[in-house]
Amino acid sequence: MNHRLALLSLLLLPLMACSRQEPTAEPAAPASDGPAAEAAPAAEAPAADEAVAETDTADSAEAPAATDDVEAEADAPAPVPVPAVDPNAGAALVEGSDYIEIRNGQPFAPRDGKVEVVEIFGYVCPSCAQFQPLVRAWKAKLPADVRFTYVPAMFGGTWDDYARAFYTAEAMGLVDKTHDAMYQAIHIDRTLKGERGRDSVQDIAAFYGKHGADPKQFASTMSSFAINAKTNRAKQFAMRSQISGTPSLVIDGKYLVKGTSYQNMLEIADQLIARERAAGQ
């Protein structure tokens, strides 16, 4: 399936970054073995009279040459000072390789004076499981004027089941307790199948039952009108944002972050956040 190919490519992001080879210097040209490499025969020494004549001529030519050099130096413009480079300044972002500007993009929710960062994710996605520890630490350090929002991807089948589970957990105030635990259950403990099969609604509800939810209430809420409305909105946002896989970061609904690794994605996101903050001031 297309989304699986997209996920596989994202999973390989860190590997691709590690496998890129730095350009190597060209090897020095070997010495030639041909006739040009042979030592040239020594030139015959000039006769004594000729040597004296040449010395006199050279001495007489040195004085004006030195004068010309002094005048040339006097006429030369003063060197232009080179401005110091700030080592902390980030490299300028390049559209197309660092990010994609989303045509007619819109934020997921009203900004309310804040910069919006959305991670489009899937619990069953191995790449998202790898990204989560990094993004958790990163979002904990975001300033107060930045709002981070998780939006589950709706790719069909078990993806949709877990998207409904996320919004049900959100409605019950359980996301902070269960977000990392769900990745753990699927990808490490393997007590849930994820993409290795399809967990039933009852299986998913039982997981949340271990974290304070009533399993029956959880299962019934997953299919409620309110949760369907939220998942439809999430699907529309992902389509509007032109994502090709997960995890994806979207800044203010305007920029889809690219990058060469998960860490690089976060660095690019930092620069785009700074850009949006400056534009809002």
C-alpha atoms as a PDB file:
ATOM      1  CA  MET A   1       0.000   0.000   0.000  1.00  0.00           C
ATOM      2  CA  ASN A   2       1.162   3.586  -0.699  1.00  0.00           C
ATOM      3  CA  HIS A   3       1.075   4.608   2.930  1.00  0.00           C
ATOM      4  CA  ARG A   4       3.231   1.654   3.902  1.00  0.00           C
ATOM      5  CA  LEU A   5       5.832   2.637   1.340  1.00  0.00           C
ATOM      6  CA  ALA A   6       5.764   6.155   2.708  1.00  0.00           C
ATOM      7  CA  LEU A   7       6.166   4.857   6.247  1.00  0.00           C
ATOM      8  CA  LEU A   8       9.065   2.626   5.233  1.00  0.00           C
ATOM      9  CA  SER A   9      10.870   5.568   3.663  1.00  0.00           C
ATOM     10  CA  LEU A  10      10.400   7.581   6.844  1.00  0.00           C
ATOM     11  CA  LEU A  11      11.629   4.703   8.965  1.00  0.00           C
ATOM     12  CA  LEU A  12      14.860   4.755   6.985  1.00  0.00           C
ATOM     13  CA  LEU A  13      15.418   8.481   7.469  1.00  0.00           C
ATOM     14  CA  PRO A  14      18.042   8.101  10.216  1.00  0.00           C
ATOM     15  CA  LEU A  15      19.742   5.307   8.291  1.00  0.00           C
ATOM     16  CA  MET A  16      19.851   7.385   5.150  1.00  0.00           C
ATOM     17  CA  ALA A  17      21.476  10.217   7.046  1.00  0.00           C
ATOM     18  CA  CYS A  18      24.073   7.850   8.519  1.00  0.00           C
ATOM     19  CA  SER A  19      24.841   6.198   5.197  1.00  0.00           C
ATOM     20  CA  ARG A  20      25.482   9.406   3.313  1.00  0.00           C
ATOM     21  CA  GLN A  21      29.123   9.580   2.409  1.00  0.00           C
ATOM     22  CA  GLU A  22      31.040  12.787   2.807  1.00  0.00           C
ATOM     23  CA  PRO A  23      32.870  13.953  -0.347  1.00  0.00           C
ATOM     24  CA  THR A  24      36.452  12.738  -0.347  1.00  0.00           C
ATOM     25  CA  ALA A  25      39.422  14.717  -1.624  1.00  0.00           C
ATOM     26  CA  GLU A  26      40.675  13.764  -5.085  1.00  0.00           C
ATOM     27  CA  PRO A  27      43.886  11.732  -4.891  1.00  0.00           C
ATOM     28  CA  ALA A  28      47.062  13.528  -5.900  1.00  0.00           C
ATOM     29  CA  ALA A  29      48.131  12.837  -9.460  1.00  0.00           C
ATOM     30  CA  PRO A  30      50.918  10.195  -9.532  1.00  0.00           C
ATOM     31  CA  ALA A  31      54.342  11.175 -10.859  1.00  0.00           C
ATOM     32  CA  SER A  32      54.708  10.491 -14.538  1.00  0.00           C
ATOM     33  CA  ASP A  33      56.943   7.600 -15.621  1.00  0.00           C
ATOM     34  CA  GLY A  34      57.425   9.091 -19.081  1.00  0.00           C
ATOM     35  CA  PRO A  35      60.285  11.148 -20.449  1.00  0.00           C
ATOM     36  CA  ALA A  36      58.954  14.359 -18.881  1.00  0.00           C
ATOM     37  CA  ALA A  37      59.778  12.941 -15.425  1.00  0.00           C
ATOM     38  CA  GLU A  38      63.479  12.630 -16.259  1.00  0.00           C
ATOM     39  CA  ALA A  39      65.780  15.337 -14.892  1.00  0.00           C
ATOM     40  CA  ALA A  40      66.625  17.988 -17.517  1.00  0.00           C
ATOM     41  CA  PRO A  41      70.301  18.271 -18.371  1.00  0.00           C
ATOM     42  CA  ALA A  42      72.070  21.087 -16.530  1.00  0.00           C
ATOM     43  CA  ALA A  43      72.506  24.227 -18.631  1.00  0.00           C
ATOM     44  CA  GLU A  44      76.080  25.151 -19.455  1.00  0.00           C
ATOM     45  CA  ALA A  45      77.466  27.890 -17.198  1.00  0.00           C
ATOM     46  CA  PRO A  46      77.847  31.243 -19.014  1.00  0.00           C
ATOM     47  CA  ALA A  47      81.242  32.679 -19.660  1.00  0.00           C
ATOM     48  CA  ALA A  48      82.639  35.012 -16.969  1.00  0.00           C
ATOM     49  CA  ASP A  49      82.285  38.164 -19.090  1.00  0.00           C
ATOM     50  CA  GLU A  50      78.709  37.282 -19.967  1.00  0.00           C
ATOM     51  CA  ALA A  51      77.894  36.655 -16.294  1.00  0.00           C
ATOM     52  CA  VAL A  52      79.245  40.079 -15.266  1.00  0.00           C
ATOM     53  CA  ALA A  53      77.289  41.785 -18.022  1.00  0.00           C
ATOM     54  CA  GLU A  54      74.103  40.075 -16.934  1.00  0.00           C
ATOM     55  CA  THR A  55      74.720  41.093 -13.278  1.00  0.00           C
ATOM     56  CA  ASP A  56      75.217  44.755 -14.223  1.00  0.00           C
ATOM     57  CA  THR A  57      72.012  44.744 -16.265  1.00  0.00           C
ATOM     58  CA  ALA A  58      70.005  43.136 -13.448  1.00  0.00           C
ATOM     59  CA  ASP A  59      71.317  45.657 -10.861  1.00  0.00           C
ATOM     60  CA  SER A  60      70.412  48.614 -13.044  1.00  0.00           C
ATOM     61  CA  ALA A  61      66.837  47.309 -13.492  1.00  0.00           C
ATOM     62  CA  GLU A  62      66.120  46.744  -9.798  1.00  0.00           C
ATOM     63  CA  ALA A  63      65.763  50.384  -8.661  1.00  0.00           C
ATOM     64  CA  PRO A  64      62.854  51.458 -10.886  1.00  0.00           C
ATOM     65  CA  ALA A  65      61.093  48.152 -10.260  1.00  0.00           C
ATOM     66  CA  ALA A  66      61.189  48.769  -6.503  1.00  0.00           C
ATOM     67  CA  THR A  67      59.805  52.304  -6.999  1.00  0.00           C
ATOM     68  CA  ASP A  68      56.938  50.944  -9.088  1.00  0.00           C
ATOM     69  CA  ASP A  69      56.087  48.446  -6.317  1.00  0.00           C
ATOM     70  CA  VAL A  70      55.930  51.192  -3.671  1.00  0.00           C
ATOM     71  CA  GLU A  71      53.672  53.353  -5.844  1.00  0.00           C
ATOM     72  CA  ALA A  72      51.388  50.376  -6.598  1.00  0.00           C
ATOM     73  CA  GLU A  73      51.044  49.623  -2.892  1.00  0.00           C
ATOM     74  CA  ALA A  74      50.257  53.279  -2.164  1.00  0.00           C
ATOM     75  CA  ASP A  75      47.506  53.300  -4.813  1.00  0.00           C
ATOM     76  CA  ALA A  76      45.955  49.959  -3.679  1.00  0.00           C
ATOM     77  CA  PRO A  77      42.613  50.299  -1.827  1.00  0.00           C
ATOM     78  CA  ALA A  78      42.485  49.449   1.861  1.00  0.00           C
ATOM     79  CA  PRO A  79      41.336  45.869   2.562  1.00  0.00           C
ATOM     80  CA  VAL A  80      37.631  45.518   3.363  1.00  0.00           C
ATOM     81  CA  PRO A  81      37.072  43.985   6.817  1.00  0.00           C
ATOM     82  CA  VAL A  82      35.322  40.604   6.732  1.00  0.00           C
ATOM     83  CA  PRO A  83      32.308  40.474   9.068  1.00  0.00           C
ATOM     84  CA  ALA A  84      32.471  37.900  11.823  1.00  0.00           C
ATOM     85  CA  VAL A  85      30.315  34.809  11.346  1.00  0.00           C
ATOM     86  CA  ASP A  86      27.905  33.961  14.145  1.00  0.00           C
ATOM     87  CA  PRO A  87      28.472  30.231  14.833  1.00  0.00           C
ATOM     88  CA  ASN A  88      25.038  29.999  16.462  1.00  0.00           C
ATOM     89  CA  ALA A  89      23.128  31.224  13.415  1.00  0.00           C
ATOM     90  CA  GLY A  90      21.211  28.409  11.693  1.00  0.00           C
ATOM     91  CA  ALA A  91      21.638  27.779   8.001  1.00  0.00           C
ATOM     92  CA  ALA A  92      18.969  29.366   5.854  1.00  0.00           C
ATOM     93  CA  LEU A  93      16.121  26.992   5.117  1.00  0.00           C
ATOM     94  CA  VAL A  94      15.594  25.864   1.538  1.00  0.00           C
ATOM     95  CA  GLU A  95      12.045  25.371   0.346  1.00  0.00           C
ATOM     96  CA  GLY A  96      11.607  21.968  -1.254  1.00  0.00           C
ATOM     97  CA  SER A  97      14.397  20.254   0.656  1.00  0.00           C
ATOM     98  CA  ASP A  98      13.816  21.513   4.214  1.00  0.00           C
ATOM     99  CA  TYR A  99      10.100  22.175   4.038  1.00  0.00           C
ATOM    100  CA  ILE A 100       7.136  22.437   1.688  1.00  0.00           C
ATOM    101  CA  GLU A 101       4.901  25.498   1.783  1.00  0.00           C
ATOM    102  CA  ILE A 102       1.324  24.226   1.850  1.00  0.00           C
ATOM    103  CA  ARG A 103      -0.894  25.929  -0.690  1.00  0.00           C
ATOM    104  CA  ASN A 104      -3.998  27.381   0.979  1.00  0.00           C
ATOM    105  CA  GLY A 105      -2.880  25.754   4.229  1.00  0.00           C
ATOM    106  CA  GLN A 106      -4.811  26.383   7.418  1.00  0.00           C
ATOM    107  CA  PRO A 107      -4.020  25.613  11.057  1.00  0.00           C
ATOM    108  CA  PHE A 108      -5.733  22.652  12.643  1.00  0.00           C
ATOM    109  CA  ALA A 109      -7.307  24.828  15.346  1.00  0.00           C
ATOM    110  CA  PRO A 110      -7.627  28.612  15.854  1.00  0.00           C
ATOM    111  CA  ARG A 111      -4.183  29.911  16.667  1.00  0.00           C
ATOM    112  CA  ASP A 112      -5.274  32.309  19.445  1.00  0.00           C
ATOM    113  CA  GLY A 113      -2.017  34.207  19.136  1.00  0.00           C
ATOM    114  CA  LYS A 114       0.121  31.065  19.320  1.00  0.00           C
ATOM    115  CA  VAL A 115       2.297  29.249  16.820  1.00  0.00           C
ATOM    116  CA  GLU A 116       0.752  25.854  16.103  1.00  0.00           C
ATOM    117  CA  VAL A 117       2.832  22.697  15.756  1.00  0.00           C
ATOM    118  CA  VAL A 118       0.986  19.536  14.716  1.00  0.00           C
ATOM    119  CA  GLU A 119       2.444  16.049  14.645  1.00  0.00           C
ATOM    120  CA  ILE A 120       0.435  13.735  12.400  1.00  0.00           C
ATOM    121  CA  PHE A 121       1.160  10.278  13.767  1.00  0.00           C
ATOM    122  CA  GLY A 122      -0.074   6.706  13.956  1.00  0.00           C
ATOM    123  CA  TYR A 123       0.250   4.387  16.930  1.00  0.00           C
ATOM    124  CA  VAL A 124       0.807   1.426  14.609  1.00  0.00           C
ATOM    125  CA  CYS A 125       3.611   3.246  12.750  1.00  0.00           C
ATOM    126  CA  PRO A 126       7.135   2.027  13.730  1.00  0.00           C
ATOM    127  CA  SER A 127       8.669   5.332  12.629  1.00  0.00           C
ATOM    128  CA  CYS A 128       6.344   7.264  14.932  1.00  0.00           C
ATOM    129  CA  ALA A 129       7.382   4.993  17.801  1.00  0.00           C
ATOM    130  CA  GLN A 130      11.028   5.877  17.117  1.00  0.00           C
ATOM    131  CA  PHE A 131      10.236   9.589  16.810  1.00  0.00           C
ATOM    132  CA  GLN A 132       8.193   9.806  20.016  1.00  0.00           C
ATOM    133  CA  PRO A 133      11.064   9.979  22.572  1.00  0.00           C
ATOM    134  CA  LEU A 134      12.670  12.807  20.589  1.00  0.00           C
ATOM    135  CA  VAL A 135       9.482  14.784  20.074  1.00  0.00           C
ATOM    136  CA  ARG A 136       8.452  14.302  23.714  1.00  0.00           C
ATOM    137  CA  ALA A 137      11.681  15.906  24.961  1.00  0.00           C
ATOM    138  CA  TRP A 138      11.518  18.617  22.296  1.00  0.00           C
ATOM    139  CA  LYS A 139       7.940  19.711  22.928  1.00  0.00           C
ATOM    140  CA  ALA A 140       8.568  19.900  26.675  1.00  0.00           C
ATOM    141  CA  LYS A 141      10.977  22.788  25.962  1.00  0.00           C
ATOM    142  CA  LEU A 142       8.729  24.732  23.593  1.00  0.00           C
ATOM    143  CA  PRO A 143       7.971  28.293  24.715  1.00  0.00           C
ATOM    144  CA  ALA A 144       4.577  29.307  26.042  1.00  0.00           C
ATOM    145  CA  ASP A 145       3.497  30.892  22.763  1.00  0.00           C
ATOM    146  CA  VAL A 146       3.777  27.564  20.891  1.00  0.00           C
ATOM    147  CA  ARG A 147       0.922  25.032  20.998  1.00  0.00           C
ATOM    148  CA  PHE A 148       1.732  21.396  20.210  1.00  0.00           C
ATOM    149  CA  THR A 149      -1.100  19.142  19.001  1.00  0.00           C
ATOM    150  CA  TYR A 150      -1.187  15.436  18.159  1.00  0.00           C
ATOM    151  CA  VAL A 151      -3.370  14.547  15.166  1.00  0.00           C
ATOM    152  CA  PRO A 152      -3.799  10.827  14.369  1.00  0.00           C
ATOM    153  CA  ALA A 153      -3.521   9.706  10.741  1.00  0.00           C
ATOM    154  CA  MET A 154      -6.537   8.059   9.121  1.00  0.00           C
ATOM    155  CA  PHE A 155      -5.104   5.570   6.623  1.00  0.00           C
ATOM    156  CA  GLY A 156      -7.925   3.040   6.997  1.00  0.00           C
ATOM    157  CA  GLY A 157      -8.302  -0.238   8.851  1.00  0.00           C
ATOM    158  CA  THR A 158      -6.424  -0.512  12.116  1.00  0.00           C
ATOM    159  CA  TRP A 159      -5.075   3.048  11.689  1.00  0.00           C
ATOM    160  CA  ASP A 160      -8.621   4.370  11.971  1.00  0.00           C
ATOM    161  CA  ASP A 161      -9.340   2.183  15.011  1.00  0.00           C
ATOM    162  CA  TYR A 162      -6.396   3.687  16.855  1.00  0.00           C
ATOM    163  CA  ALA A 163      -7.272   7.208  15.721  1.00  0.00           C
ATOM    164  CA  ARG A 164     -10.708   6.759  17.321  1.00  0.00           C
ATOM    165  CA  ALA A 165      -9.020   5.355  20.423  1.00  0.00           C
ATOM    166  CA  PHE A 166      -6.779   8.429  20.651  1.00  0.00           C
ATOM    167  CA  TYR A 167      -9.700  10.841  20.517  1.00  0.00           C
ATOM    168  CA  THR A 168     -11.665   8.750  23.008  1.00  0.00           C
ATOM    169  CA  ALA A 169      -8.695   8.834  25.386  1.00  0.00           C
ATOM    170  CA  GLU A 170      -8.427  12.594  24.823  1.00  0.00           C
ATOM    171  CA  ALA A 171     -12.104  13.048  25.701  1.00  0.00           C
ATOM    172  CA  MET A 172     -11.521  11.095  28.922  1.00  0.00           C
ATOM    173  CA  GLY A 173      -8.356  12.985  29.836  1.00  0.00           C
ATOM    174  CA  LEU A 174      -6.117   9.939  29.423  1.00  0.00           C
ATOM    175  CA  VAL A 175      -3.717  10.933  26.627  1.00  0.00           C
ATOM    176  CA  ASP A 176      -0.911  12.102  28.927  1.00  0.00           C
ATOM    177  CA  LYS A 177      -1.015   8.745  30.717  1.00  0.00           C
ATOM    178  CA  THR A 178      -1.407   6.523  27.691  1.00  0.00           C
ATOM    179  CA  HIS A 179       0.349   8.067  24.676  1.00  0.00           C
ATOM    180  CA  ASP A 180       3.801   6.581  25.314  1.00  0.00           C
ATOM    181  CA  ALA A 181       2.284   3.468  26.877  1.00  0.00           C
ATOM    182  CA  MET A 182       0.403   2.690  23.658  1.00  0.00           C
ATOM    183  CA  TYR A 183       3.618   2.759  21.621  1.00  0.00           C
ATOM    184  CA  GLN A 184       5.161   0.500  24.271  1.00  0.00           C
ATOM    185  CA  ALA A 185       2.294  -1.997  24.105  1.00  0.00           C
ATOM    186  CA  ILE A 186       2.379  -2.256  20.289  1.00  0.00           C
ATOM    187  CA  HIS A 187       6.067  -2.039  19.428  1.00  0.00           C
ATOM    188  CA  ILE A 188       7.934  -3.307  22.492  1.00  0.00           C
ATOM    189  CA  ASP A 189       5.683  -5.447  24.680  1.00  0.00           C
ATOM    190  CA  ARG A 190       3.599  -6.574  21.669  1.00  0.00           C
ATOM    191  CA  THR A 191       0.540  -7.052  23.834  1.00  0.00           C
ATOM    192  CA  LEU A 192      -1.338  -5.294  21.001  1.00  0.00           C
ATOM    193  CA  LYS A 193      -0.874  -6.196  17.338  1.00  0.00           C
ATOM    194  CA  GLY A 194      -0.716  -2.823  15.583  1.00  0.00           C
ATOM    195  CA  GLU A 195       0.048  -3.550  11.932  1.00  0.00           C
ATOM    196  CA  ARG A 196       0.837  -7.194  12.679  1.00  0.00           C
ATOM    197  CA  GLY A 197      -2.898  -7.874  12.710  1.00  0.00           C
ATOM    198  CA  ARG A 198      -6.019  -6.023  13.733  1.00  0.00           C
ATOM    199  CA  ASP A 199      -6.867  -5.512  17.377  1.00  0.00           C
ATOM    200  CA  SER A 200     -10.537  -5.598  18.218  1.00  0.00           C
ATOM    201  CA  VAL A 201     -12.260  -2.631  19.794  1.00  0.00           C
ATOM    202  CA  GLN A 202     -12.511  -4.705  22.975  1.00  0.00           C
ATOM    203  CA  ASP A 203      -8.738  -5.345  22.966  1.00  0.00           C
ATOM    204  CA  ILE A 204      -8.037  -1.640  22.600  1.00  0.00           C
ATOM    205  CA  ALA A 205     -10.578  -0.745  25.289  1.00  0.00           C
ATOM    206  CA  ALA A 206      -9.009  -3.297  27.632  1.00  0.00           C
ATOM    207  CA  PHE A 207      -5.646  -1.534  27.255  1.00  0.00           C
ATOM    208  CA  TYR A 208      -7.195   1.776  28.289  1.00  0.00           C
ATOM    209  CA  GLY A 209      -8.988  -0.035  31.113  1.00  0.00           C
ATOM    210  CA  LYS A 210      -5.556  -0.590  32.669  1.00  0.00           C
ATOM    211  CA  HIS A 211      -5.105   3.189  32.781  1.00  0.00           C
ATOM    212  CA  GLY A 212      -8.345   4.186  34.442  1.00  0.00           C
ATOM    213  CA  ALA A 213     -11.020   3.948  31.727  1.00  0.00           C
ATOM    214  CA  ASP A 214     -14.158   1.857  31.918  1.00  0.00           C
ATOM    215  CA  PRO A 215     -13.623  -0.613  29.019  1.00  0.00           C
ATOM    216  CA  LYS A 216     -17.297  -0.805  28.044  1.00  0.00           C
ATOM    217  CA  GLN A 217     -17.724   2.953  28.069  1.00  0.00           C
ATOM    218  CA  PHE A 218     -14.490   3.348  26.150  1.00  0.00           C
ATOM    219  CA  ALA A 219     -15.587   0.878  23.429  1.00  0.00           C
ATOM    220  CA  SER A 220     -18.959   2.539  22.963  1.00  0.00           C
ATOM    221  CA  THR A 221     -17.448   6.037  22.881  1.00  0.00           C
ATOM    222  CA  MET A 222     -15.049   5.020  20.101  1.00  0.00           C
ATOM    223  CA  SER A 223     -17.989   4.715  17.687  1.00  0.00           C
ATOM    224  CA  SER A 224     -19.825   7.825  18.871  1.00  0.00           C
ATOM    225  CA  PHE A 225     -20.826  10.750  16.668  1.00  0.00           C
ATOM    226  CA  ALA A 226     -18.456  13.100  18.518  1.00  0.00           C
ATOM    227  CA  ILE A 227     -15.440  10.861  17.898  1.00  0.00           C
ATOM    228  CA  ASN A 228     -16.389  10.365  14.235  1.00  0.00           C
ATOM    229  CA  ALA A 229     -16.505  14.157  13.826  1.00  0.00           C
ATOM    230  CA  LYS A 230     -13.010  14.483  15.298  1.00  0.00           C
ATOM    231  CA  THR A 231     -11.516  11.759  13.120  1.00  0.00           C
ATOM    232  CA  ASN A 232     -13.094  13.287   9.999  1.00  0.00           C
ATOM    233  CA  ARG A 233     -11.533  16.614  10.876  1.00  0.00           C
ATOM    234  CA  ALA A 234      -8.152  14.943  11.383  1.00  0.00           C
ATOM    235  CA  LYS A 235      -8.406  13.232   7.999  1.00  0.00           C
ATOM    236  CA  GLN A 236      -9.262  16.498   6.248  1.00  0.00           C
ATOM    237  CA  PHE A 237      -6.325  18.265   7.906  1.00  0.00           C
ATOM    238  CA  ALA A 238      -3.869  15.554   6.830  1.00  0.00           C
ATOM    239  CA  MET A 239      -5.140  15.679   3.246  1.00  0.00           C
ATOM    240  CA  ARG A 240      -5.013  19.481   3.189  1.00  0.00           C
ATOM    241  CA  SER A 241      -1.462  19.380   4.557  1.00  0.00           C
ATOM    242  CA  GLN A 242      -0.348  17.082   1.706  1.00  0.00           C
ATOM    243  CA  ILE A 243       1.357  14.567   3.974  1.00  0.00           C
ATOM    244  CA  SER A 244       2.794  11.441   2.382  1.00  0.00           C
ATOM    245  CA  GLY A 245       3.459   9.457   5.554  1.00  0.00           C
ATOM    246  CA  THR A 246       4.004   9.613   9.288  1.00  0.00           C
ATOM    247  CA  PRO A 247       5.422  11.108  11.396  1.00  0.00           C
ATOM    248  CA  SER A 248       4.811  14.520   9.825  1.00  0.00           C
ATOM    249  CA  LEU A 249       5.217  17.947  11.415  1.00  0.00           C
ATOM    250  CA  VAL A 250       3.092  20.867  10.211  1.00  0.00           C
ATOM    251  CA  ILE A 251       3.774  24.434  11.395  1.00  0.00           C
ATOM    252  CA  ASP A 252       0.785  26.808  11.531  1.00  0.00           C
ATOM    253  CA  GLY A 253      -0.880  24.818   8.767  1.00  0.00           C
ATOM    254  CA  LYS A 254       1.554  26.537   6.358  1.00  0.00           C
ATOM    255  CA  TYR A 255       4.727  24.458   6.368  1.00  0.00           C
ATOM    256  CA  LEU A 256       5.208  20.708   6.070  1.00  0.00           C
ATOM    257  CA  VAL A 257       8.604  19.875   7.582  1.00  0.00           C
ATOM    258  CA  LYS A 258      10.997  17.647   5.652  1.00  0.00           C
ATOM    259  CA  GLY A 259      14.589  16.898   6.687  1.00  0.00           C
ATOM    260  CA  THR A 260      17.230  14.202   6.546  1.00  0.00           C
ATOM    261  CA  SER A 261      16.614  12.681   9.990  1.00  0.00           C
ATOM    262  CA  TYR A 262      14.200  12.968  12.894  1.00  0.00           C
ATOM    263  CA  GLN A 263      16.571  15.329  14.724  1.00  0.00           C
ATOM    264  CA  ASN A 264      16.911  17.431  11.587  1.00  0.00           C
ATOM    265  CA  MET A 265      13.107  17.644  11.347  1.00  0.00           C
ATOM    266  CA  LEU A 266      12.997  19.177  14.821  1.00  0.00           C
ATOM    267  CA  GLU A 267      15.778  21.640  13.981  1.00  0.00           C
ATOM    268  CA  ILE A 268      13.885  22.759  10.880  1.00  0.00           C
ATOM    269  CA  ALA A 269      10.698  23.044  12.935  1.00  0.00           C
ATOM    270  CA  ASP A 270      12.518  25.339  15.383  1.00  0.00           C
ATOM    271  CA  GLN A 271      13.464  27.693  12.552  1.00  0.00           C
ATOM    272  CA  LEU A 272       9.969  27.705  11.091  1.00  0.00           C
ATOM    273  CA  ILE A 273       8.509  28.441  14.526  1.00  0.00           C
ATOM    274  CA  ALA A 274      10.899  31.395  14.839  1.00  0.00           C
ATOM    275  CA  ARG A 275       9.834  32.590  11.394  1.00  0.00           C
ATOM    276  CA  GLU A 276       6.136  32.456  12.315  1.00  0.00           C
ATOM    277  CA  ARG A 277       6.754  34.172  15.643  1.00  0.00           C
ATOM    278  CA  ALA A 278       8.589  37.003  13.896  1.00  0.00           C
ATOM    279  CA  ALA A 279       5.822  37.325  11.303  1.00  0.00           C
ATOM    280  CA  GLY A 280       3.215  37.624  14.035  1.00  0.00           C
ATOM    281  CA  GLN A 281       4.966  40.444  15.870  1.00  0.00           C
END
